[in-house]
C-alpha cells in the first residue's frame, strides 16, 4: 500500500479474531488503516497517463 503512495494512518492491535485454536482461544489479527488524498491520487494517475472522471 505504501508503494502506491498511500500513508499508514493507523495500526489497530488485535481488533478482531476469525479463528480459534484447538483449545478454543481466539487467534487475534492486527489491522492497518491507509489513506490517500484525492488530489494526490489524481496527480499520480495523471503521471501514468490514466484518465479519470473526478
N, C-alpha and C. Protein backbone atom coordinates (compact mmCIF):
# COMPACT_ATOMS: atom_id res chain seq x y z
N UNK A 1 0.82 -1.18 0.00
CA UNK A 1 0.00 0.00 0.00
C UNK A 1 0.87 1.26 0.00
N UNK A 2 1.92 1.24 0.78
CA UNK A 2 2.78 2.41 0.86
C UNK A 2 3.53 2.64 -0.45
N UNK A 3 3.75 1.60 -1.22
CA UNK A 3 4.38 1.77 -2.54
C UNK A 3 3.44 2.47 -3.50
N UNK A 4 2.14 2.47 -3.21
CA UNK A 4 1.16 3.17 -4.04
C UNK A 4 0.93 4.60 -3.57
N UNK A 5 1.85 5.12 -2.81
CA UNK A 5 1.85 6.47 -2.23
C UNK A 5 0.80 6.66 -1.14
N UNK A 6 0.26 5.58 -0.63
CA UNK A 6 -0.67 5.68 0.48
C UNK A 6 0.12 5.79 1.78
N UNK A 7 -0.46 6.47 2.75
CA UNK A 7 0.23 6.58 4.03
C UNK A 7 -0.55 5.82 5.09
N UNK A 8 0.20 5.23 5.99
CA UNK A 8 -0.42 4.47 7.08
C UNK A 8 -0.93 5.44 8.13
N UNK A 9 -2.23 5.43 8.35
CA UNK A 9 -2.86 6.35 9.30
C UNK A 9 -3.10 5.70 10.66
N UNK A 10 -3.20 4.40 10.68
CA UNK A 10 -3.48 3.77 11.96
C UNK A 10 -3.04 2.32 12.00
N UNK A 11 -2.76 1.85 13.20
CA UNK A 11 -2.40 0.46 13.46
C UNK A 11 -3.26 -0.01 14.62
N UNK A 12 -4.17 -0.90 14.32
CA UNK A 12 -5.08 -1.40 15.33
C UNK A 12 -4.60 -2.78 15.77
N UNK A 13 -4.29 -2.91 17.04
CA UNK A 13 -3.78 -4.17 17.56
C UNK A 13 -4.92 -5.01 18.09
N UNK A 14 -5.01 -6.19 17.54
CA UNK A 14 -6.00 -7.19 17.95
C UNK A 14 -7.45 -6.70 17.90
N UNK A 15 -7.88 -6.10 16.77
CA UNK A 15 -9.25 -5.63 16.72
C UNK A 15 -10.27 -6.74 16.49
N UNK A 16 -9.83 -7.88 15.95
CA UNK A 16 -10.79 -8.94 15.64
C UNK A 16 -10.08 -10.29 15.56
N UNK A 17 -10.86 -11.32 15.74
CA UNK A 17 -10.33 -12.66 15.51
C UNK A 17 -11.30 -13.40 14.59
N UNK A 18 -10.75 -14.32 13.79
CA UNK A 18 -11.56 -15.04 12.82
C UNK A 18 -11.53 -16.54 13.06
N UNK A 19 -10.51 -17.00 13.75
CA UNK A 19 -10.36 -18.43 14.02
C UNK A 19 -10.03 -18.62 15.47
N UNK A 20 -10.17 -19.85 15.91
CA UNK A 20 -9.79 -20.21 17.28
C UNK A 20 -8.82 -21.38 17.23
N UNK A 21 -8.00 -21.46 18.26
CA UNK A 21 -7.07 -22.59 18.37
C UNK A 21 -7.85 -23.84 18.75
N UNK A 22 -7.17 -24.93 18.77
CA UNK A 22 -7.81 -26.18 19.17
C UNK A 22 -8.33 -26.12 20.61
N UNK A 23 -7.71 -25.25 21.41
CA UNK A 23 -8.14 -25.09 22.80
C UNK A 23 -9.29 -24.09 22.93
N UNK A 24 -9.71 -23.48 21.82
CA UNK A 24 -10.82 -22.53 21.85
C UNK A 24 -10.42 -21.09 22.09
N UNK A 25 -9.11 -20.82 22.12
CA UNK A 25 -8.65 -19.45 22.32
C UNK A 25 -8.64 -18.72 20.98
N UNK A 26 -9.03 -17.43 20.96
CA UNK A 26 -9.05 -16.70 19.69
C UNK A 26 -7.65 -16.41 19.17
N UNK A 27 -7.51 -16.42 17.85
CA UNK A 27 -6.27 -16.02 17.18
C UNK A 27 -6.49 -14.60 16.69
N UNK A 28 -5.88 -13.64 17.35
CA UNK A 28 -6.09 -12.23 17.07
C UNK A 28 -5.26 -11.78 15.88
N UNK A 29 -5.76 -10.79 15.14
CA UNK A 29 -5.07 -10.22 13.99
C UNK A 29 -4.98 -8.71 14.15
N UNK A 30 -3.86 -8.14 13.70
CA UNK A 30 -3.71 -6.70 13.67
C UNK A 30 -4.28 -6.17 12.35
N UNK A 31 -4.63 -4.90 12.32
CA UNK A 31 -5.15 -4.27 11.11
C UNK A 31 -4.50 -2.89 10.95
N UNK A 32 -4.36 -2.46 9.69
CA UNK A 32 -3.80 -1.16 9.38
C UNK A 32 -4.81 -0.36 8.58
N UNK A 33 -4.79 0.94 8.77
CA UNK A 33 -5.66 1.85 8.03
C UNK A 33 -4.78 2.72 7.16
N UNK A 34 -5.06 2.75 5.85
CA UNK A 34 -4.29 3.54 4.90
C UNK A 34 -5.19 4.58 4.26
N UNK A 35 -4.55 5.68 3.81
CA UNK A 35 -5.32 6.72 3.13
C UNK A 35 -4.46 7.39 2.06
N UNK A 36 -5.15 8.05 1.14
CA UNK A 36 -4.51 8.89 0.13
C UNK A 36 -5.51 9.99 -0.20
N UNK A 37 -5.01 11.20 -0.34
CA UNK A 37 -5.88 12.31 -0.70
C UNK A 37 -6.28 12.20 -2.16
N UNK A 38 -7.48 12.64 -2.48
CA UNK A 38 -7.98 12.54 -3.84
C UNK A 38 -7.06 13.25 -4.82
N UNK A 39 -6.59 14.46 -4.47
CA UNK A 39 -5.73 15.18 -5.41
C UNK A 39 -4.39 14.48 -5.61
N UNK A 40 -3.88 13.81 -4.58
CA UNK A 40 -2.64 13.04 -4.74
C UNK A 40 -2.87 11.86 -5.69
N UNK A 41 -4.01 11.21 -5.54
CA UNK A 41 -4.33 10.06 -6.39
C UNK A 41 -4.51 10.50 -7.84
N UNK A 42 -5.22 11.60 -8.05
CA UNK A 42 -5.44 12.12 -9.40
C UNK A 42 -4.11 12.50 -10.04
N UNK A 43 -3.23 13.14 -9.26
CA UNK A 43 -1.91 13.51 -9.80
C UNK A 43 -1.10 12.28 -10.16
N UNK A 44 -1.18 11.25 -9.34
CA UNK A 44 -0.45 10.02 -9.63
C UNK A 44 -0.97 9.38 -10.92
N UNK A 45 -2.29 9.35 -11.08
CA UNK A 45 -2.87 8.78 -12.30
C UNK A 45 -2.51 9.62 -13.53
N UNK A 46 -2.46 10.93 -13.36
CA UNK A 46 -2.09 11.80 -14.47
C UNK A 46 -0.64 11.55 -14.90
N UNK A 47 0.22 11.31 -13.94
CA UNK A 47 1.63 10.99 -14.26
C UNK A 47 1.73 9.70 -15.07
N UNK A 48 0.81 8.80 -14.81
CA UNK A 48 0.83 7.50 -15.50
C UNK A 48 -0.08 7.50 -16.74
N UNK A 49 -0.62 8.68 -17.10
CA UNK A 49 -1.49 8.83 -18.26
C UNK A 49 -2.75 7.96 -18.18
N UNK A 50 -3.36 7.92 -17.03
CA UNK A 50 -4.60 7.20 -16.83
C UNK A 50 -5.72 8.23 -16.72
N UNK A 51 -6.78 8.07 -17.51
CA UNK A 51 -7.86 9.06 -17.48
C UNK A 51 -8.70 8.87 -16.23
N UNK A 52 -9.23 9.99 -15.71
CA UNK A 52 -10.08 9.95 -14.53
C UNK A 52 -11.37 10.70 -14.82
N UNK A 53 -12.39 10.45 -14.00
CA UNK A 53 -13.67 11.13 -14.13
C UNK A 53 -14.00 11.88 -12.85
N UNK A 54 -13.01 12.51 -12.25
CA UNK A 54 -13.23 13.24 -10.99
C UNK A 54 -13.53 14.68 -11.26
